[in-house]
Amino acid sequence: MTINIVTLVGRVGTDPEVKYFESGTVKCNLTLAVRRRSSRDDKPDWFNLELWGKTAEIAANYVRKGSLIGVSGALKFDYWQDRASGTPRSKPLVKVDNLELLGSKRDNEAPTGYSDDEF
C-alpha cells in the first residue's frame, strides 16, 4: 500500500495564473507560503500548487494574493529539459484535489473609501 497525501494551510503568494484549454479544461497555478509550527521567526516554506477543472475555476474567481486557504492533494514532480543547457530539471508541486477558502470575504477585499489606519 502506498500513500501520497499532502495537506497545507497558508497564504497565497501570487494571484492565480489561469490557463484555459481548447478542450474546455481549466488549469490554475498558485504559490502557497506555509509557516512551520516550530518557530514564528522562520521564513515560510513555499509550495507550488496545480489545480484543475472546477477547483481551478473556484481559485481563479475567489483566490487572490494573501488569501488564507487550505488544500489537500498529492505531491508530484514536473520534469523537463533546460532549453539552454539541455540539463534535466525537476520541480515538486502539489496537485490539489480539495480547496478550502478559509479567510472571510472581508479578508479578500479592501474596503472602499477607507485606509488601513482607520481601523
PDB file of N, CA and C in Angstrom:
ATOM      1  N   MET A   1       0.845  -1.179   0.000  1.00  0.00           N
ATOM      2  CA  MET A   1       0.000   0.000   0.000  1.00  0.00           C
ATOM      3  C   MET A   1       0.887   1.239   0.000  1.00  0.00           C
ATOM      4  N   THR A   2       0.527   2.237  -0.803  1.00  0.00           N
ATOM      5  CA  THR A   2       1.255   3.496  -0.814  1.00  0.00           C
ATOM      6  C   THR A   2       0.297   4.647  -0.535  1.00  0.00           C
ATOM      7  N   ILE A   3       0.832   5.687   0.081  1.00  0.00           N
ATOM      8  CA  ILE A   3       0.027   6.863   0.409  1.00  0.00           C
ATOM      9  C   ILE A   3       0.791   8.101  -0.033  1.00  0.00           C
ATOM     10  N   ASN A   4       0.124   8.987  -0.741  1.00  0.00           N
ATOM     11  CA  ASN A   4       0.705  10.252  -1.169  1.00  0.00           C
ATOM     12  C   ASN A   4      -0.346  11.325  -0.930  1.00  0.00           C
ATOM     13  N   ILE A   5      -0.373  11.872   0.279  1.00  0.00           N
ATOM     14  CA  ILE A   5      -1.349  12.888   0.660  1.00  0.00           C
ATOM     15  C   ILE A   5      -0.612  14.071   1.267  1.00  0.00           C
ATOM     16  N   VAL A   6      -0.940  15.262   0.775  1.00  0.00           N
ATOM     17  CA  VAL A   6      -0.365  16.491   1.292  1.00  0.00           C
ATOM     18  C   VAL A   6      -1.521  17.386   1.727  1.00  0.00           C
ATOM     19  N   THR A   7      -1.442  17.922   2.948  1.00  0.00           N
ATOM     20  CA  THR A   7      -2.436  18.866   3.443  1.00  0.00           C
ATOM     21  C   THR A   7      -1.694  20.100   3.941  1.00  0.00           C
ATOM     22  N   LEU A   8      -2.089  21.269   3.430  1.00  0.00           N
ATOM     23  CA  LEU A   8      -1.407  22.514   3.766  1.00  0.00           C
ATOM     24  C   LEU A   8      -2.415  23.618   4.045  1.00  0.00           C
ATOM     25  N   VAL A   9      -2.063  24.517   4.946  1.00  0.00           N
ATOM     26  CA  VAL A   9      -2.822  25.742   5.189  1.00  0.00           C
ATOM     27  C   VAL A   9      -1.824  26.877   5.172  1.00  0.00           C
ATOM     28  N   GLY A  10      -2.122  27.895   4.382  1.00  0.00           N
ATOM     29  CA  GLY A  10      -1.212  29.026   4.301  1.00  0.00           C
ATOM     30  C   GLY A  10      -1.797  30.165   3.502  1.00  0.00           C
ATOM     31  N   ARG A  11      -0.934  31.127   3.201  1.00  0.00           N
ATOM     32  CA  ARG A  11      -1.330  32.319   2.448  1.00  0.00           C
ATOM     33  C   ARG A  11      -0.818  32.228   1.018  1.00  0.00           C
ATOM     34  N   VAL A  12      -1.661  32.623   0.090  1.00  0.00           N
ATOM     35  CA  VAL A  12      -1.322  32.585  -1.331  1.00  0.00           C
ATOM     36  C   VAL A  12      -0.295  33.676  -1.622  1.00  0.00           C
ATOM     37  N   GLY A  13       0.753  33.316  -2.367  1.00  0.00           N
ATOM     38  CA  GLY A  13       1.851  34.241  -2.631  1.00  0.00           C
ATOM     39  C   GLY A  13       1.704  35.050  -3.903  1.00  0.00           C
ATOM     40  N   THR A  14       0.887  34.576  -4.846  1.00  0.00           N
ATOM     41  CA  THR A  14       0.686  35.280  -6.117  1.00  0.00           C
ATOM     42  C   THR A  14      -0.773  35.136  -6.525  1.00  0.00           C
ATOM     43  N   ASP A  15      -1.239  36.071  -7.326  1.00  0.00           N
ATOM     44  CA  ASP A  15      -2.567  35.893  -7.905  1.00  0.00           C
ATOM     45  C   ASP A  15      -2.544  34.648  -8.785  1.00  0.00           C
ATOM     46  N   PRO A  16      -3.676  33.972  -8.924  1.00  0.00           N
ATOM     47  CA  PRO A  16      -3.721  32.746  -9.724  1.00  0.00           C
ATOM     48  C   PRO A  16      -3.313  32.984 -11.175  1.00  0.00           C
ATOM     49  N   GLU A  17      -2.545  32.040 -11.714  1.00  0.00           N
ATOM     50  CA  GLU A  17      -2.235  32.016 -13.140  1.00  0.00           C
ATOM     51  C   GLU A  17      -3.156  30.973 -13.755  1.00  0.00           C
ATOM     52  N   VAL A  18      -4.085  31.430 -14.584  1.00  0.00           N
ATOM     53  CA  VAL A  18      -5.118  30.552 -15.117  1.00  0.00           C
ATOM     54  C   VAL A  18      -4.899  30.342 -16.608  1.00  0.00           C
ATOM     55  N   LYS A  19      -5.068  29.086 -17.031  1.00  0.00           N
ATOM     56  CA  LYS A  19      -4.932  28.751 -18.451  1.00  0.00           C
ATOM     57  C   LYS A  19      -6.164  27.957 -18.870  1.00  0.00           C
ATOM     58  N   TYR A  20      -6.809  28.422 -19.942  1.00  0.00           N
ATOM     59  CA  TYR A  20      -7.974  27.742 -20.496  1.00  0.00           C
ATOM     60  C   TYR A  20      -7.548  27.009 -21.764  1.00  0.00           C
ATOM     61  N   PHE A  21      -7.878  25.734 -21.845  1.00  0.00           N
ATOM     62  CA  PHE A  21      -7.517  24.927 -22.994  1.00  0.00           C
ATOM     63  C   PHE A  21      -8.709  24.826 -23.962  1.00  0.00           C
ATOM     64  N   GLU A  22      -8.417  24.574 -25.234  1.00  0.00           N
ATOM     65  CA  GLU A  22      -9.469  24.455 -26.243  1.00  0.00           C
ATOM     66  C   GLU A  22     -10.472  23.353 -25.899  1.00  0.00           C
ATOM     67  N   SER A  23     -10.021  22.355 -25.172  1.00  0.00           N
ATOM     68  CA  SER A  23     -10.896  21.247 -24.781  1.00  0.00           C
ATOM     69  C   SER A  23     -11.923  21.667 -23.728  1.00  0.00           C
ATOM     70  N   GLY A  24     -11.752  22.872 -23.147  1.00  0.00           N
ATOM     71  CA  GLY A  24     -12.640  23.338 -22.090  1.00  0.00           C
ATOM     72  C   GLY A  24     -12.063  23.137 -20.699  1.00  0.00           C
ATOM     73  N   THR A  25     -10.956  22.452 -20.609  1.00  0.00           N
ATOM     74  CA  THR A  25     -10.298  22.213 -19.328  1.00  0.00           C
ATOM     75  C   THR A  25      -9.640  23.499 -18.829  1.00  0.00           C
ATOM     76  N   VAL A  26      -9.647  23.682 -17.516  1.00  0.00           N
ATOM     77  CA  VAL A  26      -9.033  24.850 -16.891  1.00  0.00           C
ATOM     78  C   VAL A  26      -7.925  24.388 -15.955  1.00  0.00           C
ATOM     79  N   LYS A  27      -6.785  25.086 -15.994  1.00  0.00           N
ATOM     80  CA  LYS A  27      -5.660  24.801 -15.103  1.00  0.00           C
ATOM     81  C   LYS A  27      -5.286  26.094 -14.390  1.00  0.00           C
ATOM     82  N   CYS A  28      -4.968  25.985 -13.114  1.00  0.00           N
ATOM     83  CA  CYS A  28      -4.589  27.149 -12.325  1.00  0.00           C
ATOM     84  C   CYS A  28      -3.331  26.810 -11.526  1.00  0.00           C
ATOM     85  N   ASN A  29      -2.371  27.724 -11.524  1.00  0.00           N
ATOM     86  CA  ASN A  29      -1.156  27.572 -10.724  1.00  0.00           C
ATOM     87  C   ASN A  29      -1.091  28.679  -9.691  1.00  0.00           C
ATOM     88  N   LEU A  30      -0.678  28.317  -8.485  1.00  0.00           N
ATOM     89  CA  LEU A  30      -0.534  29.248  -7.354  1.00  0.00           C
ATOM     90  C   LEU A  30       0.734  28.905  -6.592  1.00  0.00           C
ATOM     91  N   THR A  31       1.193  29.854  -5.795  1.00  0.00           N
ATOM     92  CA  THR A  31       2.213  29.543  -4.799  1.00  0.00           C
ATOM     93  C   THR A  31       1.578  29.732  -3.425  1.00  0.00           C
ATOM     94  N   LEU A  32       2.030  28.956  -2.462  1.00  0.00           N
ATOM     95  CA  LEU A  32       1.476  28.998  -1.116  1.00  0.00           C
ATOM     96  C   LEU A  32       2.604  29.069  -0.101  1.00  0.00           C
ATOM     97  N   ALA A  33       2.533  30.053   0.801  1.00  0.00           N
ATOM     98  CA  ALA A  33       3.504  30.202   1.881  1.00  0.00           C
ATOM     99  C   ALA A  33       2.931  29.568   3.146  1.00  0.00           C
ATOM    100  N   VAL A  34       3.693  28.648   3.731  1.00  0.00           N
ATOM    101  CA  VAL A  34       3.247  27.932   4.926  1.00  0.00           C
ATOM    102  C   VAL A  34       4.319  28.058   5.996  1.00  0.00           C
ATOM    103  N   ARG A  35       3.921  28.560   7.152  1.00  0.00           N
ATOM    104  CA  ARG A  35       4.861  28.684   8.269  1.00  0.00           C
ATOM    105  C   ARG A  35       4.930  27.365   9.030  1.00  0.00           C
ATOM    106  N   ARG A  36       6.109  27.051   9.518  1.00  0.00           N
ATOM    107  CA  ARG A  36       6.284  25.847  10.341  1.00  0.00           C
ATOM    108  C   ARG A  36       5.791  26.132  11.752  1.00  0.00           C
ATOM    109  N   ARG A  37       5.337  25.097  12.421  1.00  0.00           N
ATOM    110  CA  ARG A  37       4.844  25.255  13.787  1.00  0.00           C
ATOM    111  C   ARG A  37       5.961  25.582  14.764  1.00  0.00           C
ATOM    112  N   SER A  38       7.179  25.177  14.455  1.00  0.00           N
ATOM    113  CA  SER A  38       8.279  25.264  15.411  1.00  0.00           C
ATOM    114  C   SER A  38       8.644  26.693  15.804  1.00  0.00           C
ATOM    115  N   SER A  39       8.562  27.636  14.864  1.00  0.00           N
ATOM    116  CA  SER A  39       9.002  28.986  15.192  1.00  0.00           C
ATOM    117  C   SER A  39       8.331  30.004  14.289  1.00  0.00           C
ATOM    118  N   ARG A  40       7.888  31.105  14.877  1.00  0.00           N
ATOM    119  CA  ARG A  40       7.278  32.185  14.103  1.00  0.00           C
ATOM    120  C   ARG A  40       8.346  33.022  13.407  1.00  0.00           C
ATOM    121  N   ASP A  41       9.610  32.887  13.828  1.00  0.00           N
ATOM    122  CA  ASP A  41      10.688  33.681  13.245  1.00  0.00           C
ATOM    123  C   ASP A  41      11.223  33.096  11.947  1.00  0.00           C
ATOM    124  N   ASP A  42      10.968  31.808  11.710  1.00  0.00           N
ATOM    125  CA  ASP A  42      11.453  31.170  10.484  1.00  0.00           C
ATOM    126  C   ASP A  42      10.728  31.730   9.276  1.00  0.00           C
ATOM    127  N   LYS A  43      11.418  31.752   8.157  1.00  0.00           N
ATOM    128  CA  LYS A  43      10.769  32.127   6.906  1.00  0.00           C
ATOM    129  C   LYS A  43       9.823  30.999   6.507  1.00  0.00           C
ATOM    130  N   PRO A  44       8.755  31.319   5.776  1.00  0.00           N
ATOM    131  CA  PRO A  44       7.810  30.259   5.391  1.00  0.00           C
ATOM    132  C   PRO A  44       8.398  29.341   4.337  1.00  0.00           C
ATOM    133  N   ASP A  45       7.842  28.149   4.265  1.00  0.00           N
ATOM    134  CA  ASP A  45       8.140  27.231   3.175  1.00  0.00           C
ATOM    135  C   ASP A  45       7.184  27.572   2.040  1.00  0.00           C
ATOM    136  N   TRP A  46       7.679  27.551   0.802  1.00  0.00           N
ATOM    137  CA  TRP A  46       6.868  27.882  -0.366  1.00  0.00           C
ATOM    138  C   TRP A  46       6.557  26.617  -1.154  1.00  0.00           C
ATOM    139  N   PHE A  47       5.297  26.482  -1.544  1.00  0.00           N
ATOM    140  CA  PHE A  47       4.842  25.331  -2.307  1.00  0.00           C
ATOM    141  C   PHE A  47       4.189  25.798  -3.603  1.00  0.00           C
ATOM    142  N   ASN A  48       4.455  25.083  -4.679  1.00  0.00           N
ATOM    143  CA  ASN A  48       3.782  25.331  -5.956  1.00  0.00           C
ATOM    144  C   ASN A  48       2.552  24.436  -6.000  1.00  0.00           C
ATOM    145  N   LEU A  49       1.398  25.031  -6.344  1.00  0.00           N
ATOM    146  CA  LEU A  49       0.140  24.302  -6.396  1.00  0.00           C
ATOM    147  C   LEU A  49      -0.369  24.254  -7.828  1.00  0.00           C
ATOM    148  N   GLU A  50      -0.959  23.127  -8.205  1.00  0.00           N
ATOM    149  CA  GLU A  50      -1.581  22.961  -9.518  1.00  0.00           C
ATOM    150  C   GLU A  50      -3.016  22.492  -9.301  1.00  0.00           C
ATOM    151  N   LEU A  51      -3.964  23.250  -9.826  1.00  0.00           N
ATOM    152  CA  LEU A  51      -5.381  22.929  -9.683  1.00  0.00           C
ATOM    153  C   LEU A  51      -5.992  22.764 -11.066  1.00  0.00           C
ATOM    154  N   TRP A  52      -6.968  21.868 -11.188  1.00  0.00           N
ATOM    155  CA  TRP A  52      -7.607  21.582 -12.473  1.00  0.00           C
ATOM    156  C   TRP A  52      -9.122  21.630 -12.339  1.00  0.00           C
ATOM    157  N   GLY A  53      -9.800  21.866 -13.445  1.00  0.00           N
ATOM    158  CA  GLY A  53     -11.256  21.769 -13.512  1.00  0.00           C
ATOM    159  C   GLY A  53     -11.970  22.788 -12.649  1.00  0.00           C
ATOM    160  N   LYS A  54     -13.053  22.332 -11.990  1.00  0.00           N
ATOM    161  CA  LYS A  54     -13.879  23.221 -11.159  1.00  0.00           C
ATOM    162  C   LYS A  54     -13.069  23.853 -10.032  1.00  0.00           C
ATOM    163  N   THR A  55     -12.149  23.091  -9.464  1.00  0.00           N
ATOM    164  CA  THR A  55     -11.308  23.622  -8.388  1.00  0.00           C
ATOM    165  C   THR A  55     -10.474  24.788  -8.905  1.00  0.00           C
ATOM    166  N   ALA A  56      -9.962  24.675 -10.115  1.00  0.00           N
ATOM    167  CA  ALA A  56      -9.187  25.754 -10.730  1.00  0.00           C
ATOM    168  C   ALA A  56     -10.062  26.979 -10.977  1.00  0.00           C
ATOM    169  N   GLU A  57     -11.297  26.766 -11.420  1.00  0.00           N
ATOM    170  CA  GLU A  57     -12.215  27.883 -11.655  1.00  0.00           C
ATOM    171  C   GLU A  57     -12.540  28.618 -10.361  1.00  0.00           C
ATOM    172  N   ILE A  58     -12.750  27.872  -9.290  1.00  0.00           N
ATOM    173  CA  ILE A  58     -13.030  28.498  -7.986  1.00  0.00           C
ATOM    174  C   ILE A  58     -11.841  29.327  -7.546  1.00  0.00           C
ATOM    175  N   ALA A  59     -10.636  28.782  -7.680  1.00  0.00           N
ATOM    176  CA  ALA A  59      -9.429  29.529  -7.308  1.00  0.00           C
ATOM    177  C   ALA A  59      -9.302  30.792  -8.154  1.00  0.00           C
ATOM    178  N   ALA A  60      -9.550  30.674  -9.453  1.00  0.00           N
ATOM    179  CA  ALA A  60      -9.438  31.832 -10.346  1.00  0.00           C
ATOM    180  C   ALA A  60     -10.412  32.938  -9.958  1.00  0.00           C
ATOM    181  N   ASN A  61     -11.598  32.564  -9.493  1.00  0.00           N
ATOM    182  CA  ASN A  61     -12.633  33.550  -9.175  1.00  0.00           C
ATOM    183  C   ASN A  61     -12.549  34.113  -7.763  1.00  0.00           C
ATOM    184  N   TYR A  62     -12.029  33.355  -6.797  1.00  0.00           N
ATOM    185  CA  TYR A  62     -12.126  33.773  -5.400  1.00  0.00           C
ATOM    186  C   TYR A  62     -10.799  33.920  -4.659  1.00  0.00           C
ATOM    187  N   VAL A  63      -9.709  33.395  -5.216  1.00  0.00           N
ATOM    188  CA  VAL A  63      -8.427  33.433  -4.511  1.00  0.00           C
ATOM    189  C   VAL A  63      -7.571  34.556  -5.077  1.00  0.00           C
ATOM    190  N   ARG A  64      -6.959  35.319  -4.193  1.00  0.00           N
ATOM    191  CA  ARG A  64      -6.043  36.383  -4.571  1.00  0.00           C
ATOM    192  C   ARG A  64      -4.803  36.307  -3.692  1.00  0.00           C
ATOM    193  N   LYS A  65      -3.764  37.006  -4.087  1.00  0.00           N
ATOM    194  CA  LYS A  65      -2.541  37.082  -3.293  1.00  0.00           C
ATOM    195  C   LYS A  65      -2.913  37.483  -1.864  1.00  0.00           C
ATOM    196  N   GLY A  66      -2.396  36.728  -0.893  1.00  0.00           N
ATOM    197  CA  GLY A  66      -2.670  36.996   0.513  1.00  0.00           C
ATOM    198  C   GLY A  66      -3.832  36.221   1.089  1.00  0.00           C
ATOM    199  N   SER A  67      -4.649  35.583   0.242  1.00  0.00           N
ATOM    200  CA  SER A  67      -5.789  34.801   0.727  1.00  0.00           C
ATOM    201  C   SER A  67      -5.314  33.641   1.597  1.00  0.00           C
ATOM    202  N   LEU A  68      -6.066  33.362   2.654  1.00  0.00           N
ATOM    203  CA  LEU A  68      -5.801  32.204   3.503  1.00  0.00           C
ATOM    204  C   LEU A  68      -6.594  31.036   2.948  1.00  0.00           C
ATOM    205  N   ILE A  69      -5.883  29.957   2.560  1.00  0.00           N
ATOM    206  CA  ILE A  69      -6.544  28.777   2.001  1.00  0.00           C
ATOM    207  C   ILE A  69      -5.987  27.509   2.627  1.00  0.00           C
ATOM    208  N   GLY A  70      -6.759  26.459   2.527  1.00  0.00           N
ATOM    209  CA  GLY A  70      -6.319  25.121   2.879  1.00  0.00           C
ATOM    210  C   GLY A  70      -6.441  24.244   1.646  1.00  0.00           C
ATOM    211  N   VAL A  71      -5.482  23.384   1.439  1.00  0.00           N
ATOM    212  CA  VAL A  71      -5.514  22.482   0.288  1.00  0.00           C
ATOM    213  C   VAL A  71      -5.126  21.080   0.715  1.00  0.00           C
ATOM    214  N   SER A  72      -5.631  20.114  -0.032  1.00  0.00           N
ATOM    215  CA  SER A  72      -5.147  18.746   0.111  1.00  0.00           C
ATOM    216  C   SER A  72      -5.020  18.175  -1.293  1.00  0.00           C
ATOM    217  N   GLY A  73      -4.054  17.309  -1.447  1.00  0.00           N
ATOM    218  CA  GLY A  73      -3.795  16.718  -2.749  1.00  0.00           C
ATOM    219  C   GLY A  73      -2.617  15.773  -2.668  1.00  0.00           C
ATOM    220  N   ALA A  74      -1.918  15.620  -3.793  1.00  0.00           N
ATOM    221  CA  ALA A  74      -0.805  14.687  -3.878  1.00  0.00           C
ATOM    222  C   ALA A  74       0.447  15.405  -4.364  1.00  0.00           C
ATOM    223  N   LEU A  75       1.584  14.999  -3.840  1.00  0.00           N
ATOM    224  CA  LEU A  75       2.869  15.532  -4.284  1.00  0.00           C
ATOM    225  C   LEU A  75       3.240  14.883  -5.605  1.00  0.00           C
ATOM    226  N   LYS A  76       3.669  15.710  -6.562  1.00  0.00           N
ATOM    227  CA  LYS A  76       4.156  15.171  -7.832  1.00  0.00           C
ATOM    228  C   LYS A  76       5.345  16.000  -8.286  1.00  0.00           C
ATOM    229  N   PHE A  77       6.048  15.528  -9.267  1.00  0.00           N
ATOM    230  CA  PHE A  77       7.203  16.245  -9.805  1.00  0.00           C
ATOM    231  C   PHE A  77       6.991  16.520 -11.279  1.00  0.00           C
ATOM    232  N   ASP A  78       7.280  17.744 -11.685  1.00  0.00           N
ATOM    233  CA  ASP A  78       7.324  18.091 -13.101  1.00  0.00           C
ATOM    234  C   ASP A  78       8.762  17.921 -13.562  1.00  0.00           C
ATOM    235  N   TYR A  79       8.941  17.279 -14.699  1.00  0.00           N
ATOM    236  CA  TYR A  79      10.267  17.064 -15.260  1.00  0.00           C
ATOM    237  C   TYR A  79      10.349  17.730 -16.623  1.00  0.00           C
ATOM    238  N   TRP A  80      11.496  18.350 -16.930  1.00  0.00           N
ATOM    239  CA  TRP A  80      11.737  18.943 -18.235  1.00  0.00           C
ATOM    240  C   TRP A  80      13.228  19.066 -18.460  1.00  0.00           C
ATOM    241  N   GLN A  81      13.582  19.439 -19.661  1.00  0.00           N
ATOM    242  CA  GLN A  81      14.978  19.622 -20.006  1.00  0.00           C
ATOM    243  C   GLN A  81      15.228  21.106 -20.236  1.00  0.00           C
ATOM    244  N   ASP A  82      16.252  21.652 -19.584  1.00  0.00           N
ATOM    245  CA  ASP A  82      16.603  23.063 -19.734  1.00  0.00           C
ATOM    246  C   ASP A  82      16.938  23.346 -21.200  1.00  0.00           C
ATOM    247  N   ARG A  83      16.288  24.362 -21.764  1.00  0.00           N
ATOM    248  CA  ARG A  83      16.485  24.660 -23.189  1.00  0.00           C
ATOM    249  C   ARG A  83      17.898  25.140 -23.489  1.00  0.00           C
ATOM    250  N   ALA A  84      18.472  25.907 -22.586  1.00  0.00           N
ATOM    251  CA  ALA A  84      19.800  26.476 -22.832  1.00  0.00           C
ATOM    252  C   ALA A  84      20.910  25.439 -22.697  1.00  0.00           C
ATOM    253  N   SER A  85      20.863  24.663 -21.604  1.00  0.00           N
ATOM    254  CA  SER A  85      21.968  23.742 -21.332  1.00  0.00           C
ATOM    255  C   SER A  85      21.653  22.280 -21.641  1.00  0.00           C
ATOM    256  N   GLY A  86      20.370  21.953 -21.785  1.00  0.00           N
ATOM    257  CA  GLY A  86      19.988  20.559 -22.007  1.00  0.00           C
ATOM    258  C   GLY A  86      19.980  19.730 -20.738  1.00  0.00           C
ATOM    259  N   THR A  87      20.228  20.368 -19.601  1.00  0.00           N
ATOM    260  CA  THR A  87      20.260  19.688 -18.309  1.00  0.00           C
ATOM    261  C   THR A  87      18.852  19.276 -17.876  1.00  0.00           C
ATOM    262  N   PRO A  88      18.687  18.038 -17.399  1.00  0.00           N
ATOM    263  CA  PRO A  88      17.376  17.640 -16.875  1.00  0.00           C
ATOM    264  C   PRO A  88      17.049  18.444 -15.612  1.00  0.00           C
ATOM    265  N   ARG A  89      15.814  18.909 -15.513  1.00  0.00           N
ATOM    266  CA  ARG A  89      15.366  19.691 -14.365  1.00  0.00           C
ATOM    267  C   ARG A  89      14.087  19.081 -13.819  1.00  0.00           C
ATOM    268  N   SER A  90      13.792  19.399 -12.567  1.00  0.00           N
ATOM    269  CA  SER A  90      12.537  18.954 -11.966  1.00  0.00           C
ATOM    270  C   SER A  90      12.099  19.957 -10.907  1.00  0.00           C
ATOM    271  N   LYS A  91      10.806  19.915 -10.604  1.00  0.00           N
ATOM    272  CA  LYS A  91      10.247  20.808  -9.598  1.00  0.00           C
ATOM    273  C   LYS A  91       9.104  20.091  -8.908  1.00  0.00           C
ATOM    274  N   PRO A  92       9.096  20.076  -7.568  1.00  0.00           N
ATOM    275  CA  PRO A  92       7.973  19.461  -6.864  1.00  0.00           C
ATOM    276  C   PRO A  92       6.766  20.402  -6.881  1.00  0.00           C
ATOM    277  N   LEU A  93       5.578  19.826  -6.940  1.00  0.00           N
ATOM    278  CA  LEU A  93       4.358  20.609  -6.811  1.00  0.00           C
ATOM    279  C   LEU A  93       3.269  19.749  -6.217  1.00  0.00           C
ATOM    280  N   VAL A  94       2.253  20.413  -5.693  1.00  0.00           N
ATOM    281  CA  VAL A  94       1.122  19.715  -5.101  1.00  0.00           C
ATOM    282  C   VAL A  94      -0.038  19.799  -6.091  1.00  0.00           C
ATOM    283  N   LYS A  95      -0.509  18.642  -6.554  1.00  0.00           N
ATOM    284  CA  LYS A  95      -1.690  18.589  -7.415  1.00  0.00           C
ATOM    285  C   LYS A  95      -2.898  18.569  -6.479  1.00  0.00           C
ATOM    286  N   VAL A  96      -3.595  19.694  -6.436  1.00  0.00           N
ATOM    287  CA  VAL A  96      -4.658  19.910  -5.452  1.00  0.00           C
ATOM    288  C   VAL A  96      -5.946  19.212  -5.881  1.00  0.00           C
ATOM    289  N   ASP A  97      -6.514  18.438  -4.942  1.00  0.00           N
ATOM    290  CA  ASP A  97      -7.807  17.797  -5.145  1.00  0.00           C
ATOM    291  C   ASP A  97      -8.920  18.548  -4.428  1.00  0.00           C
ATOM    292  N   ASN A  98      -8.570  19.188  -3.302  1.00  0.00           N
ATOM    293  CA  ASN A  98      -9.564  19.871  -2.481  1.00  0.00           C
ATOM    294  C   ASN A  98      -9.040  21.244  -2.072  1.00  0.00           C
ATOM    295  N   LEU A  99      -9.849  22.273  -2.269  1.00  0.00           N
ATOM    296  CA  LEU A  99      -9.501  23.651  -1.917  1.00  0.00           C
ATOM    297  C   LEU A  99     -10.519  24.183  -0.926  1.00  0.00           C
ATOM    298  N   GLU A 100     -10.037  24.738   0.175  1.00  0.00           N
ATOM    299  CA  GLU A 100     -10.899  25.362   1.172  1.00  0.00           C
ATOM    300  C   GLU A 100     -10.541  26.834   1.264  1.00  0.00           C
ATOM    301  N   LEU A 101     -11.534  27.709   1.107  1.00  0.00           N
ATOM    302  CA  LEU A 101     -11.334  29.148   1.264  1.00  0.00           C
ATOM    303  C   LEU A 101     -11.544  29.458   2.747  1.00  0.00           C
ATOM    304  N   LEU A 102     -10.470  29.790   3.444  1.00  0.00           N
ATOM    305  CA  LEU A 102     -10.537  29.911   4.901  1.00  0.00           C
ATOM    306  C   LEU A 102     -10.736  31.344   5.390  1.00  0.00           C
ATOM    307  N   GLY A 103     -10.324  32.307   4.620  1.00  0.00           N
ATOM    308  CA  GLY A 103     -10.494  33.690   5.038  1.00  0.00           C
ATOM    309  C   GLY A 103     -11.918  34.138   4.789  1.00  0.00           C
ATOM    310  N   SER A 104     -12.296  35.216   5.457  1.00  0.00           N
ATOM    311  CA  SER A 104     -13.617  35.778   5.232  1.00  0.00           C
ATOM    312  C   SER A 104     -13.599  36.607   3.958  1.00  0.00           C
ATOM    313  N   LYS A 105     -14.777  36.992   3.491  1.00  0.00           N
ATOM    314  CA  LYS A 105     -14.861  37.834   2.301  1.00  0.00           C
ATOM    315  C   LYS A 105     -14.124  39.140   2.552  1.00  0.00           C
ATOM    316  N   ARG A 106     -14.205  39.634   3.754  1.00  0.00           N
ATOM    317  CA  ARG A 106     -13.544  40.887   4.111  1.00  0.00           C
ATOM    318  C   ARG A 106     -12.024  40.771   4.006  1.00  0.00           C
ATOM    319  N   ASP A 107     -11.472  39.597   4.313  1.00  0.00           N
ATOM    320  CA  ASP A 107     -10.024  39.383   4.197  1.00  0.00           C
ATOM    321  C   ASP A 107      -9.550  39.536   2.761  1.00  0.00           C
ATOM    322  N   ASN A 108     -10.411  39.185   1.817  1.00  0.00           N
ATOM    323  CA  ASN A 108     -10.027  39.184   0.409  1.00  0.00           C
ATOM    324  C   ASN A 108     -10.354  40.473  -0.328  1.00  0.00           C
ATOM    325  N   GLU A 109     -11.059  41.398   0.330  1.00  0.00           N
ATOM    326  CA  GLU A 109     -11.430  42.644  -0.306  1.00  0.00           C
ATOM    327  C   GLU A 109     -10.999  43.815   0.563  1.00  0.00           C
ATOM    328  N   ALA A 110     -10.413  44.815  -0.052  1.00  0.00           N
ATOM    329  CA  ALA A 110     -10.081  46.040   0.671  1.00  0.00           C
ATOM    330  C   ALA A 110     -11.333  46.883   0.732  1.00  0.00           C
ATOM    331  N   PRO A 111     -11.655  47.467   1.891  1.00  0.00           N
ATOM    332  CA  PRO A 111     -12.843  48.305   1.970  1.00  0.00           C
ATOM    333  C   PRO A 111     -12.675  49.550   1.109  1.00  0.00           C
ATOM    334  N   THR A 112     -13.728  49.931   0.438  1.00  0.00           N
ATOM    335  CA  THR A 112     -13.652  51.108  -0.407  1.00  0.00           C
ATOM    336  C   THR A 112     -13.872  52.357   0.424  1.00  0.00           C
ATOM    337  N   GLY A 113     -13.037  53.357   0.170  1.00  0.00           N
ATOM    338  CA  GLY A 113     -13.192  54.633   0.867  1.00  0.00           C
ATOM    339  C   GLY A 113     -12.521  54.716   2.220  1.00  0.00           C
ATOM    340  N   TYR A 114     -11.855  53.677   2.662  1.00  0.00           N
ATOM    341  CA  TYR A 114     -11.183  53.669   3.953  1.00  0.00           C
ATOM    342  C   TYR A 114      -9.731  53.274   3.785  1.00  0.00           C
ATOM    343  N   SER A 115      -8.886  53.789   4.642  1.00  0.00           N
ATOM    344  CA  SER A 115      -7.491  53.359   4.627  1.00  0.00           C
ATOM    345  C   SER A 115      -7.263  52.410   5.786  1.00  0.00           C
ATOM    346  N   ASP A 116      -6.181  51.645   5.735  1.00  0.00           N
ATOM    347  CA  ASP A 116      -5.901  50.649   6.768  1.00  0.00           C
ATOM    348  C   ASP A 116      -5.746  51.277   8.148  1.00  0.00           C
ATOM    349  N   ASP A 117      -5.265  52.501   8.231  1.00  0.00           N
ATOM    350  CA  ASP A 117      -5.029  53.106   9.550  1.00  0.00           C
ATOM    351  C   ASP A 117      -6.303  53.623  10.208  1.00  0.00           C
ATOM    352  N   GLU A 118      -7.444  53.504   9.555  1.00  0.00           N
ATOM    353  CA  GLU A 118      -8.710  53.951  10.143  1.00  0.00           C
ATOM    354  C   GLU A 118      -9.388  52.850  10.940  1.00  0.00           C
ATOM    355  N   PHE A 119      -8.835  51.652  10.961  1.00  0.00           N
ATOM    356  CA  PHE A 119      -9.459  50.533  11.684  1.00  0.00           C
ATOM    357  C   PHE A 119      -8.754  50.283  12.979  1.00  0.00           C
TER     358      PHE A 119
END
